[in-house]
């Protein structure tokens, strides 16, 4: 896993940042001030979370007059979703293998106890 991947996982691993991402997906382009009214954290904390999300390229910001508007980077979000799906598939494969092994051990123990 690369440093960028680790930063991405860290960025989306925070509940406040996930809520901010949800709000951006639902509402399109919004300001940090608007976001701070939607989440139970300070505007300063929202701005820090936005900086983290921008660093991993999940969002972009643009200045319009005196305001800075934030929006989801759809392409990067899709890449992140695909990476998460791939990782989940890997976990599922490993869990199925563990389950098969546990079932085989259990069956062997059952046969052994029946012979005794």
PDB file of N, CA and C in Angstrom:
ATOM      1  N   UNK A   1       0.859  -1.177   0.000  1.00  0.00           N
ATOM      2  CA  UNK A   1       0.000   0.000   0.000  1.00  0.00           C
ATOM      3  C   UNK A   1       0.899   1.232   0.000  1.00  0.00           C
ATOM      4  N   UNK A   2       0.564   2.198  -0.835  1.00  0.00           N
ATOM      5  CA  UNK A   2       1.380   3.408  -0.930  1.00  0.00           C
ATOM      6  C   UNK A   2       0.986   4.402   0.151  1.00  0.00           C
ATOM      7  N   UNK A   3       1.836   5.430   0.325  1.00  0.00           N
ATOM      8  CA  UNK A   3       1.521   6.482   1.287  1.00  0.00           C
ATOM      9  C   UNK A   3       0.211   7.176   0.943  1.00  0.00           C
ATOM     10  N   UNK A   4      -0.038   7.372  -0.364  1.00  0.00           N
ATOM     11  CA  UNK A   4      -1.286   8.018  -0.790  1.00  0.00           C
ATOM     12  C   UNK A   4      -2.477   7.170  -0.380  1.00  0.00           C
ATOM     13  N   UNK A   5      -2.366   5.854  -0.579  1.00  0.00           N
ATOM     14  CA  UNK A   5      -3.447   4.955  -0.169  1.00  0.00           C
ATOM     15  C   UNK A   5      -3.686   5.053   1.332  1.00  0.00           C
ATOM     16  N   UNK A   6      -2.603   5.046   2.098  1.00  0.00           N
ATOM     17  CA  UNK A   6      -2.734   5.136   3.548  1.00  0.00           C
ATOM     18  C   UNK A   6      -3.387   6.448   3.949  1.00  0.00           C
ATOM     19  N   UNK A   7      -3.015   7.529   3.290  1.00  0.00           N
ATOM     20  CA  UNK A   7      -3.631   8.822   3.584  1.00  0.00           C
ATOM     21  C   UNK A   7      -5.114   8.818   3.220  1.00  0.00           C
ATOM     22  N   UNK A   8      -5.452   8.180   2.110  1.00  0.00           N
ATOM     23  CA  UNK A   8      -6.853   8.091   1.710  1.00  0.00           C
ATOM     24  C   UNK A   8      -7.659   7.321   2.746  1.00  0.00           C
ATOM     25  N   UNK A   9      -7.138   6.157   3.162  1.00  0.00           N
ATOM     26  CA  UNK A   9      -7.852   5.360   4.166  1.00  0.00           C
ATOM     27  C   UNK A   9      -8.001   6.139   5.471  1.00  0.00           C
ATOM     28  N   UNK A  10      -6.970   6.843   5.853  1.00  0.00           N
ATOM     29  CA  UNK A  10      -7.034   7.652   7.065  1.00  0.00           C
ATOM     30  C   UNK A  10      -8.073   8.759   6.921  1.00  0.00           C
ATOM     31  N   UNK A  11      -8.107   9.388   5.751  1.00  0.00           N
ATOM     32  CA  UNK A  11      -9.053  10.489   5.522  1.00  0.00           C
ATOM     33  C   UNK A  11     -10.492  10.022   5.612  1.00  0.00           C
ATOM     34  N   UNK A  12     -10.794   8.877   5.018  1.00  0.00           N
ATOM     35  CA  UNK A  12     -12.188   8.417   5.033  1.00  0.00           C
ATOM     36  C   UNK A  12     -12.517   7.628   6.291  1.00  0.00           C
ATOM     37  N   UNK A  13     -11.522   7.393   7.126  1.00  0.00           N
ATOM     38  CA  UNK A  13     -11.743   6.670   8.366  1.00  0.00           C
ATOM     39  C   UNK A  13     -12.255   7.529   9.506  1.00  0.00           C
ATOM     40  N   UNK A  14     -12.453   8.803   9.247  1.00  0.00           N
ATOM     41  CA  UNK A  14     -12.933   9.720  10.283  1.00  0.00           C
ATOM     42  C   UNK A  14     -14.428   9.982  10.067  1.00  0.00           C
ATOM     43  N   UNK A  15     -15.208   9.821  11.114  1.00  0.00           N
ATOM     44  CA  UNK A  15     -16.667   9.960  11.005  1.00  0.00           C
ATOM     45  C   UNK A  15     -17.084  11.371  10.583  1.00  0.00           C
ATOM     46  N   UNK A  16     -16.394  12.383  11.038  1.00  0.00           N
ATOM     47  CA  UNK A  16     -16.739  13.760  10.648  1.00  0.00           C
ATOM     48  C   UNK A  16     -16.467  13.986   9.161  1.00  0.00           C
ATOM     49  N   UNK A  17     -15.341  13.462   8.687  1.00  0.00           N
ATOM     50  CA  UNK A  17     -15.038  13.626   7.261  1.00  0.00           C
ATOM     51  C   UNK A  17     -16.015  12.843   6.394  1.00  0.00           C
ATOM     52  N   UNK A  18     -16.431  11.676   6.863  1.00  0.00           N
ATOM     53  CA  UNK A  18     -17.439  10.923   6.112  1.00  0.00           C
ATOM     54  C   UNK A  18     -18.750  11.704   6.031  1.00  0.00           C
ATOM     55  N   UNK A  19     -19.131  12.331   7.128  1.00  0.00           N
ATOM     56  CA  UNK A  19     -20.360  13.134   7.129  1.00  0.00           C
ATOM     57  C   UNK A  19     -20.216  14.320   6.175  1.00  0.00           C
ATOM     58  N   UNK A  20     -19.057  14.950   6.173  1.00  0.00           N
ATOM     59  CA  UNK A  20     -18.807  16.068   5.253  1.00  0.00           C
ATOM     60  C   UNK A  20     -18.894  15.580   3.810  1.00  0.00           C
ATOM     61  N   UNK A  21     -18.301  14.434   3.523  1.00  0.00           N
ATOM     62  CA  UNK A  21     -18.394  13.878   2.168  1.00  0.00           C
ATOM     63  C   UNK A  21     -19.845  13.606   1.787  1.00  0.00           C
ATOM     64  N   UNK A  22     -20.608  13.030   2.714  1.00  0.00           N
ATOM     65  CA  UNK A  22     -22.034  12.784   2.449  1.00  0.00           C
ATOM     66  C   UNK A  22     -22.760  14.083   2.115  1.00  0.00           C
ATOM     67  N   UNK A  23     -22.493  15.120   2.892  1.00  0.00           N
ATOM     68  CA  UNK A  23     -23.145  16.414   2.659  1.00  0.00           C
ATOM     69  C   UNK A  23     -22.764  16.994   1.307  1.00  0.00           C
ATOM     70  N   UNK A  24     -21.509  16.837   0.927  1.00  0.00           N
ATOM     71  CA  UNK A  24     -21.075  17.341  -0.376  1.00  0.00           C
ATOM     72  C   UNK A  24     -21.712  16.552  -1.514  1.00  0.00           C
ATOM     73  N   UNK A  25     -21.823  15.250  -1.347  1.00  0.00           N
ATOM     74  CA  UNK A  25     -22.479  14.433  -2.377  1.00  0.00           C
ATOM     75  C   UNK A  25     -23.946  14.854  -2.509  1.00  0.00           C
ATOM     76  N   UNK A  26     -24.611  15.054  -1.384  1.00  0.00           N
ATOM     77  CA  UNK A  26     -26.037  15.394  -1.384  1.00  0.00           C
ATOM     78  C   UNK A  26     -26.312  16.810  -1.868  1.00  0.00           C
ATOM     79  N   UNK A  27     -25.408  17.748  -1.589  1.00  0.00           N
ATOM     80  CA  UNK A  27     -25.703  19.160  -1.806  1.00  0.00           C
ATOM     81  C   UNK A  27     -24.859  19.848  -2.869  1.00  0.00           C
ATOM     82  N   UNK A  28     -23.918  19.149  -3.432  1.00  0.00           N
ATOM     83  CA  UNK A  28     -23.081  19.770  -4.453  1.00  0.00           C
ATOM     84  C   UNK A  28     -22.077  20.723  -3.835  1.00  0.00           C
ATOM     85  N   UNK A  29     -21.884  21.859  -4.471  1.00  0.00           N
ATOM     86  CA  UNK A  29     -20.888  22.843  -4.036  1.00  0.00           C
ATOM     87  C   UNK A  29     -21.427  23.672  -2.878  1.00  0.00           C
ATOM     88  N   UNK A  30     -20.691  23.682  -1.774  1.00  0.00           N
ATOM     89  CA  UNK A  30     -21.098  24.439  -0.588  1.00  0.00           C
ATOM     90  C   UNK A  30     -19.875  25.060   0.079  1.00  0.00           C
ATOM     91  N   UNK A  31     -20.133  25.978   0.986  1.00  0.00           N
ATOM     92  CA  UNK A  31     -19.048  26.633   1.724  1.00  0.00           C
ATOM     93  C   UNK A  31     -18.757  25.891   3.028  1.00  0.00           C
ATOM     94  N   UNK A  32     -17.589  26.153   3.584  1.00  0.00           N
ATOM     95  CA  UNK A  32     -17.233  25.590   4.885  1.00  0.00           C
ATOM     96  C   UNK A  32     -18.187  26.101   5.956  1.00  0.00           C
ATOM     97  N   UNK A  33     -18.612  27.344   5.831  1.00  0.00           N
ATOM     98  CA  UNK A  33     -19.561  27.902   6.805  1.00  0.00           C
ATOM     99  C   UNK A  33     -20.866  27.121   6.784  1.00  0.00           C
ATOM    100  N   UNK A  34     -21.345  26.846   5.584  1.00  0.00           N
ATOM    101  CA  UNK A  34     -22.590  26.068   5.484  1.00  0.00           C
ATOM    102  C   UNK A  34     -22.398  24.690   6.096  1.00  0.00           C
ATOM    103  N   UNK A  35     -21.276  24.043   5.765  1.00  0.00           N
ATOM    104  CA  UNK A  35     -21.001  22.714   6.315  1.00  0.00           C
ATOM    105  C   UNK A  35     -20.948  22.734   7.836  1.00  0.00           C
ATOM    106  N   UNK A  36     -20.333  23.782   8.384  1.00  0.00           N
ATOM    107  CA  UNK A  36     -20.202  23.837   9.850  1.00  0.00           C
ATOM    108  C   UNK A  36     -21.562  23.953  10.530  1.00  0.00           C
ATOM    109  N   UNK A  37     -22.554  24.445   9.818  1.00  0.00           N
ATOM    110  CA  UNK A  37     -23.907  24.486  10.371  1.00  0.00           C
ATOM    111  C   UNK A  37     -24.614  23.142  10.308  1.00  0.00           C
ATOM    112  N   UNK A  38     -24.038  22.191   9.581  1.00  0.00           N
ATOM    113  CA  UNK A  38     -24.670  20.887   9.388  1.00  0.00           C
ATOM    114  C   UNK A  38     -24.052  19.780  10.240  1.00  0.00           C
ATOM    115  N   UNK A  39     -22.877  20.032  10.788  1.00  0.00           N
ATOM    116  CA  UNK A  39     -22.183  19.017  11.575  1.00  0.00           C
ATOM    117  C   UNK A  39     -21.883  19.567  12.968  1.00  0.00           C
ATOM    118  N   UNK A  40     -21.780  18.688  13.959  1.00  0.00           N
ATOM    119  CA  UNK A  40     -21.585  19.151  15.339  1.00  0.00           C
ATOM    120  C   UNK A  40     -20.130  19.445  15.692  1.00  0.00           C
ATOM    121  N   UNK A  41     -19.432  20.145  14.784  1.00  0.00           N
ATOM    122  CA  UNK A  41     -18.057  20.542  15.063  1.00  0.00           C
ATOM    123  C   UNK A  41     -17.889  21.998  14.631  1.00  0.00           C
ATOM    124  N   UNK A  42     -16.827  22.618  15.083  1.00  0.00           N
ATOM    125  CA  UNK A  42     -16.600  24.034  14.785  1.00  0.00           C
ATOM    126  C   UNK A  42     -16.256  24.248  13.314  1.00  0.00           C
ATOM    127  N   UNK A  43     -16.396  25.485  12.869  1.00  0.00           N
ATOM    128  CA  UNK A  43     -16.025  25.821  11.500  1.00  0.00           C
ATOM    129  C   UNK A  43     -14.541  25.562  11.290  1.00  0.00           C
ATOM    130  N   UNK A  44     -13.737  25.885  12.293  1.00  0.00           N
ATOM    131  CA  UNK A  44     -12.293  25.649  12.197  1.00  0.00           C
ATOM    132  C   UNK A  44     -12.002  24.155  11.992  1.00  0.00           C
ATOM    133  N   UNK A  45     -12.712  23.301  12.705  1.00  0.00           N
ATOM    134  CA  UNK A  45     -12.525  21.857  12.534  1.00  0.00           C
ATOM    135  C   UNK A  45     -12.978  21.420  11.144  1.00  0.00           C
ATOM    136  N   UNK A  46     -14.080  21.990  10.656  1.00  0.00           N
ATOM    137  CA  UNK A  46     -14.557  21.673   9.308  1.00  0.00           C
ATOM    138  C   UNK A  46     -13.481  22.029   8.287  1.00  0.00           C
ATOM    139  N   UNK A  47     -12.888  23.211   8.442  1.00  0.00           N
ATOM    140  CA  UNK A  47     -11.853  23.657   7.505  1.00  0.00           C
ATOM    141  C   UNK A  47     -10.663  22.689   7.522  1.00  0.00           C
ATOM    142  N   UNK A  48     -10.272  22.211   8.706  1.00  0.00           N
ATOM    143  CA  UNK A  48      -9.167  21.243   8.798  1.00  0.00           C
ATOM    144  C   UNK A  48      -9.536  19.931   8.112  1.00  0.00           C
ATOM    145  N   UNK A  49     -10.774  19.482   8.314  1.00  0.00           N
ATOM    146  CA  UNK A  49     -11.223  18.258   7.653  1.00  0.00           C
ATOM    147  C   UNK A  49     -11.245  18.447   6.139  1.00  0.00           C
ATOM    148  N   UNK A  50     -11.688  19.592   5.686  1.00  0.00           N
ATOM    149  CA  UNK A  50     -11.704  19.879   4.254  1.00  0.00           C
ATOM    150  C   UNK A  50     -10.295  19.863   3.677  1.00  0.00           C
ATOM    151  N   UNK A  51      -9.342  20.397   4.427  1.00  0.00           N
ATOM    152  CA  UNK A  51      -7.949  20.390   3.964  1.00  0.00           C
ATOM    153  C   UNK A  51      -7.443  18.959   3.806  1.00  0.00           C
ATOM    154  N   UNK A  52      -7.804  18.096   4.736  1.00  0.00           N
ATOM    155  CA  UNK A  52      -7.407  16.693   4.647  1.00  0.00           C
ATOM    156  C   UNK A  52      -8.036  16.037   3.423  1.00  0.00           C
ATOM    157  N   UNK A  53      -9.322  16.293   3.204  1.00  0.00           N
ATOM    158  CA  UNK A  53     -10.013  15.717   2.046  1.00  0.00           C
ATOM    159  C   UNK A  53      -9.464  16.256   0.740  1.00  0.00           C
ATOM    160  N   UNK A  54      -9.065  17.519   0.732  1.00  0.00           N
ATOM    161  CA  UNK A  54      -8.460  18.103  -0.465  1.00  0.00           C
ATOM    162  C   UNK A  54      -7.076  17.495  -0.709  1.00  0.00           C
ATOM    163  N   UNK A  55      -6.342  17.262   0.368  1.00  0.00           N
ATOM    164  CA  UNK A  55      -4.993  16.688   0.246  1.00  0.00           C
ATOM    165  C   UNK A  55      -5.024  15.334  -0.455  1.00  0.00           C
ATOM    166  N   UNK A  56      -6.044  14.523  -0.163  1.00  0.00           N
ATOM    167  CA  UNK A  56      -6.154  13.202  -0.805  1.00  0.00           C
ATOM    168  C   UNK A  56      -7.011  13.277  -2.076  1.00  0.00           C
ATOM    169  N   UNK A  57      -7.305  14.490  -2.487  1.00  0.00           N
ATOM    170  CA  UNK A  57      -7.996  14.793  -3.738  1.00  0.00           C
ATOM    171  C   UNK A  57      -9.431  14.283  -3.811  1.00  0.00           C
ATOM    172  N   UNK A  58     -10.084  14.091  -2.665  1.00  0.00           N
ATOM    173  CA  UNK A  58     -11.490  13.707  -2.687  1.00  0.00           C
ATOM    174  C   UNK A  58     -12.397  14.902  -2.938  1.00  0.00           C
ATOM    175  N   UNK A  59     -11.887  16.089  -2.621  1.00  0.00           N
ATOM    176  CA  UNK A  59     -12.655  17.302  -2.888  1.00  0.00           C
ATOM    177  C   UNK A  59     -11.752  18.327  -3.568  1.00  0.00           C
ATOM    178  N   UNK A  60     -12.402  19.318  -4.144  1.00  0.00           N
ATOM    179  CA  UNK A  60     -11.661  20.471  -4.657  1.00  0.00           C
ATOM    180  C   UNK A  60     -12.353  21.722  -4.127  1.00  0.00           C
ATOM    181  N   UNK A  61     -11.576  22.786  -4.075  1.00  0.00           N
ATOM    182  CA  UNK A  61     -12.122  24.063  -3.605  1.00  0.00           C
ATOM    183  C   UNK A  61     -11.846  25.123  -4.651  1.00  0.00           C
ATOM    184  N   UNK A  62     -12.774  26.063  -4.782  1.00  0.00           N
ATOM    185  CA  UNK A  62     -12.568  27.186  -5.694  1.00  0.00           C
ATOM    186  C   UNK A  62     -13.146  28.439  -5.044  1.00  0.00           C
ATOM    187  N   UNK A  63     -12.474  29.520  -5.323  1.00  0.00           N
ATOM    188  CA  UNK A  63     -12.886  30.808  -4.762  1.00  0.00           C
ATOM    189  C   UNK A  63     -13.895  31.454  -5.707  1.00  0.00           C
ATOM    190  N   UNK A  64     -14.975  31.945  -5.123  1.00  0.00           N
ATOM    191  CA  UNK A  64     -15.987  32.696  -5.860  1.00  0.00           C
ATOM    192  C   UNK A  64     -16.281  33.950  -5.043  1.00  0.00           C
ATOM    193  N   UNK A  65     -15.735  35.048  -5.487  1.00  0.00           N
ATOM    194  CA  UNK A  65     -15.862  36.277  -4.697  1.00  0.00           C
ATOM    195  C   UNK A  65     -15.136  36.111  -3.385  1.00  0.00           C
ATOM    196  N   UNK A  66     -15.846  36.351  -2.300  1.00  0.00           N
ATOM    197  CA  UNK A  66     -15.250  36.211  -0.972  1.00  0.00           C
ATOM    198  C   UNK A  66     -15.407  34.812  -0.408  1.00  0.00           C
ATOM    199  N   UNK A  67     -16.152  33.972  -1.076  1.00  0.00           N
ATOM    200  CA  UNK A  67     -16.415  32.627  -0.553  1.00  0.00           C
ATOM    201  C   UNK A  67     -15.531  31.581  -1.237  1.00  0.00           C
ATOM    202  N   UNK A  68     -15.293  30.516  -0.509  1.00  0.00           N
ATOM    203  CA  UNK A  68     -14.598  29.358  -1.060  1.00  0.00           C
ATOM    204  C   UNK A  68     -15.610  28.221  -1.097  1.00  0.00           C
ATOM    205  N   UNK A  69     -15.850  27.717  -2.293  1.00  0.00           N
ATOM    206  CA  UNK A  69     -16.812  26.635  -2.470  1.00  0.00           C
ATOM    207  C   UNK A  69     -16.084  25.304  -2.559  1.00  0.00           C
ATOM    208  N   UNK A  70     -16.651  24.307  -1.907  1.00  0.00           N
ATOM    209  CA  UNK A  70     -16.071  22.966  -1.878  1.00  0.00           C
ATOM    210  C   UNK A  70     -16.995  22.027  -2.623  1.00  0.00           C
ATOM    211  N   UNK A  71     -16.384  21.083  -3.336  1.00  0.00           N
ATOM    212  CA  UNK A  71     -17.186  20.088  -4.051  1.00  0.00           C
ATOM    213  C   UNK A  71     -16.427  18.773  -4.128  1.00  0.00           C
ATOM    214  N   UNK A  72     -17.175  17.712  -4.312  1.00  0.00           N
ATOM    215  CA  UNK A  72     -16.602  16.373  -4.460  1.00  0.00           C
ATOM    216  C   UNK A  72     -15.860  16.291  -5.785  1.00  0.00           C
ATOM    217  N   UNK A  73     -14.739  15.596  -5.781  1.00  0.00           N
ATOM    218  CA  UNK A  73     -14.065  15.245  -7.027  1.00  0.00           C
ATOM    219  C   UNK A  73     -14.612  13.876  -7.409  1.00  0.00           C
ATOM    220  N   UNK A  74     -15.578  13.866  -8.325  1.00  0.00           N
ATOM    221  CA  UNK A  74     -16.291  12.630  -8.665  1.00  0.00           C
ATOM    222  C   UNK A  74     -15.361  11.513  -9.118  1.00  0.00           C
ATOM    223  N   UNK A  75     -14.394  11.835  -9.956  1.00  0.00           N
ATOM    224  CA  UNK A  75     -13.484  10.809 -10.481  1.00  0.00           C
ATOM    225  C   UNK A  75     -12.669  10.190  -9.354  1.00  0.00           C
ATOM    226  N   UNK A  76     -12.152  11.023  -8.462  1.00  0.00           N
ATOM    227  CA  UNK A  76     -11.331  10.511  -7.352  1.00  0.00           C
ATOM    228  C   UNK A  76     -12.197   9.710  -6.381  1.00  0.00           C
ATOM    229  N   UNK A  77     -13.425  10.165  -6.135  1.00  0.00           N
ATOM    230  CA  UNK A  77     -14.317   9.426  -5.255  1.00  0.00           C
ATOM    231  C   UNK A  77     -14.617   8.048  -5.846  1.00  0.00           C
ATOM    232  N   UNK A  78     -14.807   7.985  -7.158  1.00  0.00           N
ATOM    233  CA  UNK A  78     -15.039   6.706  -7.822  1.00  0.00           C
ATOM    234  C   UNK A  78     -13.816   5.810  -7.682  1.00  0.00           C
ATOM    235  N   UNK A  79     -12.614   6.368  -7.855  1.00  0.00           N
ATOM    236  CA  UNK A  79     -11.382   5.584  -7.660  1.00  0.00           C
ATOM    237  C   UNK A  79     -11.313   5.035  -6.237  1.00  0.00           C
ATOM    238  N   UNK A  80     -11.638   5.886  -5.266  1.00  0.00           N
ATOM    239  CA  UNK A  80     -11.599   5.470  -3.865  1.00  0.00           C
ATOM    240  C   UNK A  80     -12.620   4.363  -3.616  1.00  0.00           C
ATOM    241  N   UNK A  81     -13.810   4.500  -4.180  1.00  0.00           N
ATOM    242  CA  UNK A  81     -14.853   3.483  -4.011  1.00  0.00           C
ATOM    243  C   UNK A  81     -14.400   2.150  -4.613  1.00  0.00           C
ATOM    244  N   UNK A  82     -13.764   2.209  -5.786  1.00  0.00           N
ATOM    245  CA  UNK A  82     -13.267   0.979  -6.409  1.00  0.00           C
ATOM    246  C   UNK A  82     -12.167   0.340  -5.569  1.00  0.00           C
ATOM    247  N   UNK A  83     -11.293   1.161  -5.013  1.00  0.00           N
ATOM    248  CA  UNK A  83     -10.225   0.634  -4.159  1.00  0.00           C
ATOM    249  C   UNK A  83     -10.813  -0.016  -2.913  1.00  0.00           C
ATOM    250  N   UNK A  84     -11.837   0.604  -2.338  1.00  0.00           N
ATOM    251  CA  UNK A  84     -12.488   0.031  -1.159  1.00  0.00           C
ATOM    252  C   UNK A  84     -13.192  -1.280  -1.513  1.00  0.00           C
ATOM    253  N   UNK A  85     -13.857  -1.326  -2.662  1.00  0.00           N
ATOM    254  CA  UNK A  85     -14.537  -2.550  -3.091  1.00  0.00           C
ATOM    255  C   UNK A  85     -13.530  -3.672  -3.319  1.00  0.00           C
ATOM    256  N   UNK A  86     -12.389  -3.349  -3.908  1.00  0.00           N
ATOM    257  CA  UNK A  86     -11.354  -4.357  -4.137  1.00  0.00           C
ATOM    258  C   UNK A  86     -10.817  -4.880  -2.807  1.00  0.00           C
ATOM    259  N   UNK A  87     -10.600  -3.979  -1.877  1.00  0.00           N
ATOM    260  CA  UNK A  87     -10.109  -4.408  -0.563  1.00  0.00           C
ATOM    261  C   UNK A  87     -11.151  -5.273   0.140  1.00  0.00           C
ATOM    262  N   UNK A  88     -12.412  -4.887   0.059  1.00  0.00           N
ATOM    263  CA  UNK A  88     -13.483  -5.673   0.685  1.00  0.00           C
ATOM    264  C   UNK A  88     -13.561  -7.065   0.060  1.00  0.00           C
ATOM    265  N   UNK A  89     -13.398  -7.148  -1.254  1.00  0.00           N
ATOM    266  CA  UNK A  89     -13.418  -8.452  -1.927  1.00  0.00           C
ATOM    267  C   UNK A  89     -12.280  -9.326  -1.421  1.00  0.00           C
ATOM    268  N   UNK A  90     -11.110  -8.734  -1.221  1.00  0.00           N
ATOM    269  CA  UNK A  90      -9.974  -9.483  -0.673  1.00  0.00           C
ATOM    270  C   UNK A  90     -10.266  -9.991   0.733  1.00  0.00           C
ATOM    271  N   UNK A  91     -10.857  -9.144   1.553  1.00  0.00           N
ATOM    272  CA  UNK A  91     -11.224  -9.568   2.906  1.00  0.00           C
ATOM    273  C   UNK A  91     -12.242 -10.702   2.849  1.00  0.00           C
ATOM    274  N   UNK A  92     -13.216 -10.589   1.954  1.00  0.00           N
ATOM    275  CA  UNK A  92     -14.230 -11.633   1.834  1.00  0.00           C
ATOM    276  C   UNK A  92     -13.611 -12.963   1.421  1.00  0.00           C
ATOM    277  N   UNK A  93     -12.659 -12.929   0.478  1.00  0.00           N
ATOM    278  CA  UNK A  93     -11.975 -14.163   0.072  1.00  0.00           C
ATOM    279  C   UNK A  93     -11.250 -14.788   1.268  1.00  0.00           C
ATOM    280  N   UNK A  94     -10.541 -13.966   2.016  1.00  0.00           N
ATOM    281  CA  UNK A  94      -9.810 -14.491   3.174  1.00  0.00           C
ATOM    282  C   UNK A  94     -10.767 -15.048   4.234  1.00  0.00           C
ATOM    283  N   UNK A  95     -11.868 -14.354   4.466  1.00  0.00           N
ATOM    284  CA  UNK A  95     -12.839 -14.836   5.457  1.00  0.00           C
ATOM    285  C   UNK A  95     -13.470 -16.157   5.021  1.00  0.00           C
ATOM    286  N   UNK A  96     -13.769 -16.286   3.715  1.00  0.00           N
ATOM    287  CA  UNK A  96     -14.313 -17.562   3.225  1.00  0.00           C
ATOM    288  C   UNK A  96     -13.295 -18.683   3.411  1.00  0.00           C
ATOM    289  N   UNK A  97     -12.022 -18.400   3.171  1.00  0.00           N
ATOM    290  CA  UNK A  97     -10.975 -19.412   3.352  1.00  0.00           C
ATOM    291  C   UNK A  97     -10.874 -19.810   4.825  1.00  0.00           C
ATOM    292  N   UNK A  98     -10.947 -18.835   5.717  1.00  0.00           N
ATOM    293  CA  UNK A  98     -10.905 -19.129   7.159  1.00  0.00           C
ATOM    294  C   UNK A  98     -12.116 -19.967   7.552  1.00  0.00           C
ATOM    295  N   UNK A  99     -13.272 -19.622   7.015  1.00  0.00           N
ATOM    296  CA  UNK A  99     -14.493 -20.378   7.325  1.00  0.00           C
ATOM    297  C   UNK A  99     -14.356 -21.828   6.859  1.00  0.00           C
ATOM    298  N   UNK A 100     -13.860 -22.026   5.622  1.00  0.00           N
ATOM    299  CA  UNK A 100     -13.678 -23.393   5.114  1.00  0.00           C
ATOM    300  C   UNK A 100     -12.711 -24.179   6.005  1.00  0.00           C
ATOM    301  N   UNK A 101     -11.622 -23.536   6.414  1.00  0.00           N
ATOM    302  CA  UNK A 101     -10.646 -24.196   7.280  1.00  0.00           C
ATOM    303  C   UNK A 101     -11.277 -24.567   8.624  1.00  0.00           C
ATOM    304  N   UNK A 102     -12.026 -23.639   9.206  1.00  0.00           N
ATOM    305  CA  UNK A 102     -12.679 -23.903  10.493  1.00  0.00           C
ATOM    306  C   UNK A 102     -13.693 -25.040  10.363  1.00  0.00           C
ATOM    307  N   UNK A 103     -14.440 -25.031   9.269  1.00  0.00           N
ATOM    308  CA  UNK A 103     -15.416 -26.108   9.054  1.00  0.00           C
ATOM    309  C   UNK A 103     -14.722 -27.456   8.879  1.00  0.00           C
ATOM    310  N   UNK A 104     -13.581 -27.479   8.171  1.00  0.00           N
ATOM    311  CA  UNK A 104     -12.836 -28.728   7.980  1.00  0.00           C
ATOM    312  C   UNK A 104     -12.293 -29.231   9.315  1.00  0.00           C
ATOM    313  N   UNK A 105     -11.766 -28.339  10.122  1.00  0.00           N
ATOM    314  CA  UNK A 105     -11.258 -28.728  11.452  1.00  0.00           C
ATOM    315  C   UNK A 105     -12.391 -29.272  12.300  1.00  0.00           C
ATOM    316  N   UNK A 106     -13.533 -28.590  12.276  1.00  0.00           N
ATOM    317  CA  UNK A 106     -14.700 -29.030  13.052  1.00  0.00           C
ATOM    318  C   UNK A 106     -15.153 -30.422  12.593  1.00  0.00           C
ATOM    319  N   UNK A 107     -15.201 -30.638  11.280  1.00  0.00           N
ATOM    320  CA  UNK A 107     -15.603 -31.945  10.753  1.00  0.00           C
ATOM    321  C   UNK A 107     -14.619 -33.025  11.188  1.00  0.00           C
ATOM    322  N   UNK A 108     -13.314 -32.713  11.141  1.00  0.00           N
ATOM    323  CA  UNK A 108     -12.302 -33.676  11.594  1.00  0.00           C
ATOM    324  C   UNK A 108     -12.482 -34.006  13.069  1.00  0.00           C
ATOM    325  N   UNK A 109     -12.763 -32.993  13.874  1.00  0.00           N
ATOM    326  CA  UNK A 109     -12.976 -33.221  15.309  1.00  0.00           C
ATOM    327  C   UNK A 109     -14.225 -34.059  15.539  1.00  0.00           C
ATOM    328  N   UNK A 110     -15.263 -33.819  14.759  1.00  0.00           N
ATOM    329  CA  UNK A 110     -16.508 -34.597  14.888  1.00  0.00           C
ATOM    330  C   UNK A 110     -16.239 -36.074  14.566  1.00  0.00           C
ATOM    331  N   UNK A 111     -15.522 -36.319  13.456  1.00  0.00           N
ATOM    332  CA  UNK A 111     -15.199 -37.692  13.070  1.00  0.00           C
ATOM    333  C   UNK A 111     -14.346 -38.375  14.155  1.00  0.00           C
ATOM    334  N   UNK A 112     -13.386 -37.617  14.704  1.00  0.00           N
ATOM    335  CA  UNK A 112     -12.526 -38.187  15.735  1.00  0.00           C
ATOM    336  C   UNK A 112     -13.327 -38.548  16.993  1.00  0.00           C
ATOM    337  N   UNK A 113     -14.269 -37.700  17.361  1.00  0.00           N
ATOM    338  CA  UNK A 113     -15.056 -37.966  18.568  1.00  0.00           C
ATOM    339  C   UNK A 113     -16.035 -39.120  18.348  1.00  0.00           C
ATOM    340  N   UNK A 114     -16.495 -39.315  17.101  1.00  0.00           N
ATOM    341  CA  UNK A 114     -17.400 -40.414  16.789  1.00  0.00           C
ATOM    342  C   UNK A 114     -16.665 -41.758  16.855  1.00  0.00           C
ATOM    343  N   UNK A 115     -15.369 -41.749  16.529  1.00  0.00           N
ATOM    344  CA  UNK A 115     -14.572 -42.973  16.555  1.00  0.00           C
ATOM    345  C   UNK A 115     -14.210 -43.379  17.986  1.00  0.00           C
ATOM    346  N   UNK A 116     -14.234 -42.431  18.878  1.00  0.00           N
ATOM    347  CA  UNK A 116     -13.804 -42.724  20.262  1.00  0.00           C
ATOM    348  C   UNK A 116     -14.871 -43.429  21.046  1.00  0.00           C
TER     349      UNK A 116
END
